[in-house]
Amino acid sequence: MIAAIEVVSQITIEVIEDSVLLKGTDVAMGVSPNIDIKQYFDQDEYPNSNGCDMITKVLVSALSGNIKMAHEKGYKNDVVHLRQIIAQLEEMFVIAHTQLIYADEKEVKNG
């Protein structure tokens, strides 16, 4: 049986002069009709533990493919590219856990 799992990631940004501020990230997962959705979603239709693992697997596969393509095209060295991705993941993790974004999204303070 061949089945498909799709993960779509979208970021919302605000461009202020020459700066880009990340305002939000949305991730959605869908499965083909021949997959029992209970394997990947809870009763509230949010990804369960298996769903979270699958989202990670799909996004990592996409990153790996992007690294390989960029290296083959000569855009970036694969090792340098991987290190940049790791640094960006670390940075995003820190930002996500230290920023307070107020409801009006106009004032941002670092904790």
N, C-alpha and C. Protein backbone atom coordinates (compact mmCIF):
# COMPACT_ATOMS: atom_id res chain seq x y z
N MET A 1 0.84 -1.18 0.00
CA MET A 1 0.00 0.00 0.00
C MET A 1 0.89 1.25 0.00
N ILE A 2 0.59 2.15 -0.87
CA ILE A 2 1.28 3.44 -0.90
C ILE A 2 0.35 4.47 -0.31
N ALA A 3 0.87 5.26 0.61
CA ALA A 3 0.09 6.30 1.27
C ALA A 3 0.89 7.59 1.26
N ALA A 4 0.21 8.68 1.48
CA ALA A 4 0.89 9.98 1.48
C ALA A 4 0.57 10.73 2.76
N ILE A 5 1.58 11.38 3.26
CA ILE A 5 1.42 12.29 4.39
C ILE A 5 2.01 13.62 3.96
N GLU A 6 1.24 14.66 4.12
CA GLU A 6 1.66 16.00 3.71
C GLU A 6 1.76 16.89 4.93
N VAL A 7 2.85 17.63 5.01
CA VAL A 7 3.02 18.63 6.06
C VAL A 7 3.28 19.97 5.39
N VAL A 8 2.48 20.95 5.76
CA VAL A 8 2.62 22.29 5.20
C VAL A 8 3.00 23.22 6.34
N SER A 9 4.05 23.99 6.13
CA SER A 9 4.49 24.96 7.12
C SER A 9 4.42 26.35 6.51
N GLN A 10 3.91 27.28 7.29
CA GLN A 10 3.78 28.66 6.80
C GLN A 10 4.22 29.60 7.91
N ILE A 11 5.00 30.61 7.54
CA ILE A 11 5.39 31.63 8.52
C ILE A 11 4.70 32.94 8.18
N THR A 12 4.43 33.70 9.22
CA THR A 12 3.89 35.04 9.06
C THR A 12 4.97 36.00 9.52
N ILE A 13 5.30 36.97 8.67
CA ILE A 13 6.36 37.91 8.99
C ILE A 13 5.85 39.34 8.91
N GLU A 14 6.59 40.21 9.55
CA GLU A 14 6.34 41.65 9.42
C GLU A 14 7.65 42.27 8.97
N VAL A 15 7.58 42.99 7.87
CA VAL A 15 8.77 43.65 7.33
C VAL A 15 8.73 45.10 7.77
N ILE A 16 9.78 45.50 8.50
CA ILE A 16 9.92 46.88 8.97
C ILE A 16 11.26 47.38 8.46
N GLU A 17 11.20 48.27 7.49
CA GLU A 17 12.40 48.79 6.83
C GLU A 17 13.23 47.63 6.32
N ASP A 18 14.44 47.42 6.85
CA ASP A 18 15.30 46.34 6.39
C ASP A 18 15.25 45.11 7.28
N SER A 19 14.34 45.08 8.26
CA SER A 19 14.26 43.97 9.20
C SER A 19 13.02 43.12 8.94
N VAL A 20 13.14 41.85 9.25
CA VAL A 20 12.02 40.94 9.15
C VAL A 20 11.78 40.34 10.53
N LEU A 21 10.57 40.51 11.03
CA LEU A 21 10.19 40.01 12.35
C LEU A 21 9.24 38.84 12.16
N LEU A 22 9.59 37.70 12.74
CA LEU A 22 8.72 36.53 12.67
C LEU A 22 7.55 36.76 13.61
N LYS A 23 6.34 36.68 13.08
CA LYS A 23 5.14 36.91 13.87
C LYS A 23 4.45 35.61 14.24
N GLY A 24 4.65 34.56 13.48
CA GLY A 24 4.00 33.30 13.79
C GLY A 24 4.37 32.20 12.82
N THR A 25 4.14 30.98 13.25
CA THR A 25 4.41 29.81 12.43
C THR A 25 3.22 28.88 12.54
N ASP A 26 2.74 28.40 11.42
CA ASP A 26 1.65 27.44 11.39
C ASP A 26 2.13 26.18 10.69
N VAL A 27 1.74 25.04 11.24
CA VAL A 27 2.07 23.75 10.63
C VAL A 27 0.78 22.93 10.57
N ALA A 28 0.53 22.35 9.41
CA ALA A 28 -0.65 21.50 9.24
C ALA A 28 -0.21 20.18 8.61
N MET A 29 -0.89 19.12 9.02
CA MET A 29 -0.57 17.80 8.48
C MET A 29 -1.84 17.17 7.92
N GLY A 30 -1.71 16.53 6.78
CA GLY A 30 -2.80 15.80 6.19
C GLY A 30 -2.34 14.42 5.78
N VAL A 31 -3.26 13.47 5.79
CA VAL A 31 -2.93 12.10 5.40
C VAL A 31 -3.87 11.65 4.29
N SER A 32 -3.38 10.74 3.46
CA SER A 32 -4.20 10.23 2.38
C SER A 32 -5.35 9.40 2.95
N PRO A 33 -6.43 9.24 2.17
CA PRO A 33 -7.63 8.56 2.66
C PRO A 33 -7.40 7.10 3.08
N ASN A 34 -6.34 6.47 2.59
CA ASN A 34 -6.09 5.07 2.95
C ASN A 34 -5.31 4.90 4.25
N ILE A 35 -5.16 5.98 5.01
CA ILE A 35 -4.50 5.93 6.32
C ILE A 35 -5.56 6.19 7.39
N ASP A 36 -5.52 5.37 8.43
CA ASP A 36 -6.41 5.57 9.57
C ASP A 36 -5.93 6.80 10.33
N ILE A 37 -6.71 7.88 10.31
CA ILE A 37 -6.27 9.14 10.92
C ILE A 37 -6.04 9.02 12.42
N LYS A 38 -6.64 8.02 13.05
CA LYS A 38 -6.44 7.82 14.50
C LYS A 38 -4.98 7.49 14.82
N GLN A 39 -4.24 7.03 13.80
CA GLN A 39 -2.81 6.75 14.01
C GLN A 39 -2.01 8.02 14.25
N TYR A 40 -2.51 9.15 13.73
CA TYR A 40 -1.72 10.38 13.76
C TYR A 40 -2.42 11.57 14.41
N PHE A 41 -3.72 11.45 14.69
CA PHE A 41 -4.46 12.57 15.26
C PHE A 41 -5.23 12.13 16.49
N ASP A 42 -5.36 13.04 17.47
CA ASP A 42 -6.16 12.74 18.65
C ASP A 42 -7.63 13.04 18.39
N GLN A 43 -8.46 12.87 19.40
CA GLN A 43 -9.90 13.07 19.23
C GLN A 43 -10.27 14.51 18.91
N ASP A 44 -9.39 15.47 19.22
CA ASP A 44 -9.63 16.88 18.91
C ASP A 44 -9.05 17.28 17.56
N GLU A 45 -8.56 16.29 16.81
CA GLU A 45 -7.99 16.48 15.48
C GLU A 45 -6.65 17.22 15.49
N TYR A 46 -5.95 17.18 16.62
CA TYR A 46 -4.58 17.68 16.70
C TYR A 46 -3.65 16.50 16.55
N PRO A 47 -2.44 16.72 16.03
CA PRO A 47 -1.50 15.60 15.92
C PRO A 47 -1.23 14.98 17.30
N ASN A 48 -1.28 13.65 17.36
CA ASN A 48 -0.90 12.95 18.59
C ASN A 48 0.61 12.71 18.57
N SER A 49 1.10 11.87 19.45
CA SER A 49 2.55 11.62 19.51
C SER A 49 3.09 11.11 18.18
N ASN A 50 2.40 10.16 17.56
CA ASN A 50 2.83 9.66 16.25
C ASN A 50 2.77 10.76 15.19
N GLY A 51 1.74 11.60 15.28
CA GLY A 51 1.61 12.71 14.35
C GLY A 51 2.77 13.69 14.48
N CYS A 52 3.13 14.01 15.72
CA CYS A 52 4.27 14.92 15.94
C CYS A 52 5.56 14.31 15.39
N ASP A 53 5.74 13.01 15.62
CA ASP A 53 6.93 12.34 15.07
C ASP A 53 6.93 12.39 13.54
N MET A 54 5.76 12.21 12.93
CA MET A 54 5.67 12.23 11.47
C MET A 54 5.93 13.63 10.92
N ILE A 55 5.41 14.65 11.60
CA ILE A 55 5.69 16.03 11.18
C ILE A 55 7.19 16.28 11.18
N THR A 56 7.86 15.85 12.26
CA THR A 56 9.32 16.01 12.34
C THR A 56 10.00 15.27 11.19
N LYS A 57 9.58 14.03 10.94
CA LYS A 57 10.21 13.23 9.89
C LYS A 57 10.05 13.89 8.52
N VAL A 58 8.85 14.40 8.23
CA VAL A 58 8.61 15.04 6.93
C VAL A 58 9.43 16.32 6.80
N LEU A 59 9.44 17.16 7.84
CA LEU A 59 10.20 18.41 7.76
C LEU A 59 11.70 18.16 7.66
N VAL A 60 12.21 17.16 8.39
CA VAL A 60 13.64 16.83 8.31
C VAL A 60 13.96 16.28 6.92
N SER A 61 13.07 15.47 6.35
CA SER A 61 13.29 14.96 4.99
C SER A 61 13.34 16.11 3.99
N ALA A 62 12.46 17.08 4.17
CA ALA A 62 12.46 18.25 3.27
C ALA A 62 13.75 19.05 3.42
N LEU A 63 14.20 19.24 4.66
CA LEU A 63 15.47 19.95 4.88
C LEU A 63 16.63 19.20 4.23
N SER A 64 16.64 17.89 4.40
CA SER A 64 17.71 17.08 3.82
C SER A 64 17.72 17.20 2.30
N GLY A 65 16.54 17.14 1.70
CA GLY A 65 16.45 17.31 0.25
C GLY A 65 16.89 18.68 -0.20
N ASN A 66 16.56 19.70 0.57
CA ASN A 66 16.97 21.07 0.25
C ASN A 66 18.49 21.22 0.35
N ILE A 67 19.08 20.63 1.39
CA ILE A 67 20.54 20.69 1.55
C ILE A 67 21.22 20.02 0.36
N LYS A 68 20.72 18.84 -0.01
CA LYS A 68 21.32 18.10 -1.13
C LYS A 68 21.19 18.88 -2.43
N MET A 69 20.00 19.43 -2.69
CA MET A 69 19.79 20.18 -3.93
C MET A 69 20.69 21.42 -3.98
N ALA A 70 20.76 22.15 -2.86
CA ALA A 70 21.60 23.37 -2.83
C ALA A 70 23.07 23.02 -3.05
N HIS A 71 23.52 21.89 -2.50
CA HIS A 71 24.91 21.47 -2.69
C HIS A 71 25.16 21.08 -4.15
N GLU A 72 24.23 20.29 -4.72
CA GLU A 72 24.39 19.86 -6.12
C GLU A 72 24.37 21.04 -7.09
N LYS A 73 23.60 22.05 -6.80
CA LYS A 73 23.51 23.24 -7.66
C LYS A 73 24.66 24.22 -7.41
N GLY A 74 25.45 23.97 -6.35
CA GLY A 74 26.57 24.84 -6.04
C GLY A 74 26.18 26.09 -5.27
N TYR A 75 24.97 26.11 -4.72
CA TYR A 75 24.53 27.29 -3.96
C TYR A 75 25.20 27.35 -2.59
N LYS A 76 25.32 26.20 -1.94
CA LYS A 76 25.91 26.14 -0.59
C LYS A 76 26.60 24.81 -0.39
N ASN A 77 27.68 24.86 0.36
CA ASN A 77 28.33 23.64 0.81
C ASN A 77 27.39 22.95 1.79
N ASP A 78 27.23 21.62 1.65
CA ASP A 78 26.26 20.92 2.49
C ASP A 78 26.56 20.99 3.99
N VAL A 79 27.83 20.94 4.36
CA VAL A 79 28.19 21.02 5.78
C VAL A 79 27.88 22.42 6.33
N VAL A 80 28.25 23.44 5.59
CA VAL A 80 27.97 24.82 6.01
C VAL A 80 26.46 25.03 6.11
N HIS A 81 25.73 24.52 5.13
CA HIS A 81 24.27 24.66 5.11
C HIS A 81 23.65 24.00 6.35
N LEU A 82 24.09 22.78 6.65
CA LEU A 82 23.59 22.06 7.82
C LEU A 82 23.88 22.83 9.10
N ARG A 83 25.08 23.37 9.22
CA ARG A 83 25.42 24.17 10.41
C ARG A 83 24.54 25.41 10.52
N GLN A 84 24.23 26.04 9.38
CA GLN A 84 23.34 27.21 9.39
C GLN A 84 21.94 26.82 9.86
N ILE A 85 21.47 25.67 9.42
CA ILE A 85 20.14 25.20 9.83
C ILE A 85 20.13 24.92 11.33
N ILE A 86 21.16 24.26 11.83
CA ILE A 86 21.23 23.97 13.27
C ILE A 86 21.24 25.28 14.06
N ALA A 87 22.00 26.26 13.60
CA ALA A 87 22.05 27.56 14.29
C ALA A 87 20.68 28.23 14.27
N GLN A 88 19.98 28.14 13.13
CA GLN A 88 18.65 28.73 13.04
C GLN A 88 17.66 28.02 13.95
N LEU A 89 17.75 26.70 14.04
CA LEU A 89 16.88 25.96 14.96
C LEU A 89 17.14 26.37 16.40
N GLU A 90 18.41 26.49 16.77
CA GLU A 90 18.74 26.93 18.13
C GLU A 90 18.19 28.33 18.40
N GLU A 91 18.37 29.22 17.43
CA GLU A 91 17.89 30.59 17.58
C GLU A 91 16.36 30.63 17.73
N MET A 92 15.66 29.86 16.90
CA MET A 92 14.20 29.84 16.97
C MET A 92 13.72 29.26 18.29
N PHE A 93 14.41 28.27 18.80
CA PHE A 93 14.04 27.67 20.08
C PHE A 93 14.18 28.69 21.19
N VAL A 94 15.27 29.44 21.18
CA VAL A 94 15.49 30.47 22.20
C VAL A 94 14.44 31.57 22.08
N ILE A 95 14.18 32.02 20.87
CA ILE A 95 13.19 33.08 20.66
C ILE A 95 11.81 32.62 21.14
N ALA A 96 11.44 31.42 20.77
CA ALA A 96 10.12 30.91 21.12
C ALA A 96 9.93 30.80 22.63
N HIS A 97 11.00 30.63 23.37
CA HIS A 97 10.89 30.45 24.81
C HIS A 97 11.26 31.68 25.62
N THR A 98 11.69 32.74 24.97
CA THR A 98 12.08 33.93 25.74
C THR A 98 11.32 35.18 25.36
N GLN A 99 10.60 35.19 24.25
CA GLN A 99 9.89 36.40 23.84
C GLN A 99 8.48 36.43 24.40
N LEU A 100 8.07 37.59 24.82
CA LEU A 100 6.68 37.81 25.19
C LEU A 100 6.06 38.64 24.09
N ILE A 101 5.10 38.09 23.42
CA ILE A 101 4.43 38.83 22.36
C ILE A 101 3.04 39.17 22.86
N TYR A 102 2.77 40.45 22.97
CA TYR A 102 1.49 40.91 23.49
C TYR A 102 0.39 40.73 22.46
N ALA A 103 -0.83 40.69 22.94
CA ALA A 103 -1.98 40.42 22.08
C ALA A 103 -2.06 41.37 20.89
N ASP A 104 -1.67 42.62 21.11
CA ASP A 104 -1.76 43.57 19.99
C ASP A 104 -0.59 43.41 19.02
N GLU A 105 0.39 42.59 19.38
CA GLU A 105 1.56 42.28 18.56
C GLU A 105 2.33 43.52 18.12
N LYS A 106 2.19 44.60 18.85
CA LYS A 106 2.94 45.81 18.52
C LYS A 106 4.19 45.95 19.36
N GLU A 107 4.16 45.40 20.57
CA GLU A 107 5.29 45.54 21.48
C GLU A 107 5.88 44.18 21.75
N VAL A 108 7.15 44.03 21.53
CA VAL A 108 7.85 42.77 21.77
C VAL A 108 8.97 43.05 22.75
N LYS A 109 9.03 42.25 23.83
CA LYS A 109 10.09 42.39 24.81
C LYS A 109 10.77 41.03 24.97
N ASN A 110 12.07 41.03 25.11
CA ASN A 110 12.81 39.81 25.38
C ASN A 110 12.85 39.57 26.87
N GLY A 111 12.65 38.33 27.25
CA GLY A 111 12.63 37.95 28.67
C GLY A 111 13.97 37.61 29.19
